[in-house]
Amino acid sequence: MSAVGRPARRRVLARGGELPHFRQIRAILSLLILVSLFASPTASAAHKRAKLPPKPKGITHVVQAGQTLFRISHAYQVKVAVIMEENRLKPSTPLKVGQRLFIPGAKTAKKVEAYRPLTREERGAIQRSLSEEVTAPPPPTEPPRPRVRTDAPLLWPIQGPVNSPFGPRWGRFHAGIDISSPHYQGVVAALDGEIIYSEDTRGPLGKAIVVQHGRGLRTVYAHLSIIIAREGETVRQGQAIAGVGNTGRSTGPHLHFEVRQNGSPLNPVEYLPATIDELVRDLSTRQ
């Protein structure tokens, strides 16, 4: 700086002023701060909006009198657990008339039949089917399903070895499978459904539960020690419904499990996923 400029700078500073280029720098900094304060929330909000997942497609179903969660699920072909999660429903909370349920994936409203209790004749038919000897089904017309499968429609109702398979046994026909288990192990529903029978048969199967899954498919759980689910209730796949027992004509605690299609018994293992032992055996044979 020249000698002439130094006195002038001293006079400006002595008066508490600022040099022109300092004022310009300060003004630019102030402007940048203001821009960052106002622009950052907007940019952040835009960034958040860009990251939001797309709203799921579906429709809203308005609950009518007598409609149950299972019947709504069955009509729209959407799993009970999915509807519960989307609508934040608890298993023990009953539906109310006029309640609005979001059904993900649905495109049009479906007709949902109302629940009705079994008639005396229907209850008697179920009681007889659980107490009388079942005749062997006709030979299958289709080739058997591959045993080693992981995409089976049903879940194992309990974990344990099958100690009595489906088919002829002791001169009679065994209409299900017996799964060995400790006393009181929790029994779960093999598939979404509706409890249509839940009591003591006072026969060879003891305490039993029958779950209706729609399209003529039913599952039976017998020799129970305790029954949790009650008639008319919706149960989701994997939900606890009972405890393993030794009631009825039984040689020890185990679960008798049946799959019936329009009243005819089916081999349950063809609808259940392969066990760990089966997968290991299959892998060893391939090697």
Foldseek 3Di string as FASTA:
>chain_A
DDPVVVVVVVVQVVVVHDDPVVVVVVVVVVVVVVCCVVVVVVVVVVVVVVPDDDDFDFDKDFDAPQFFLLQQCVQQVHFSVVQCVQVVHDQPDTDDGRDITTDGPHDDDGDGDGDDADDPVRVVVVLCLVADADAADDDDPDDFADLAADPFQWEQQFDADFPAFAADDPNGGQLETKGDDDWFDFGWGGAKFFWRDFAASPHQFGTKTWTDNDQQKIKMKGQFPFAADDHGGIGHHGHTGTTWHHGHNHPGTIITMFIDGNSHTDGVSSRYHHDPVVVVVVVVVVD
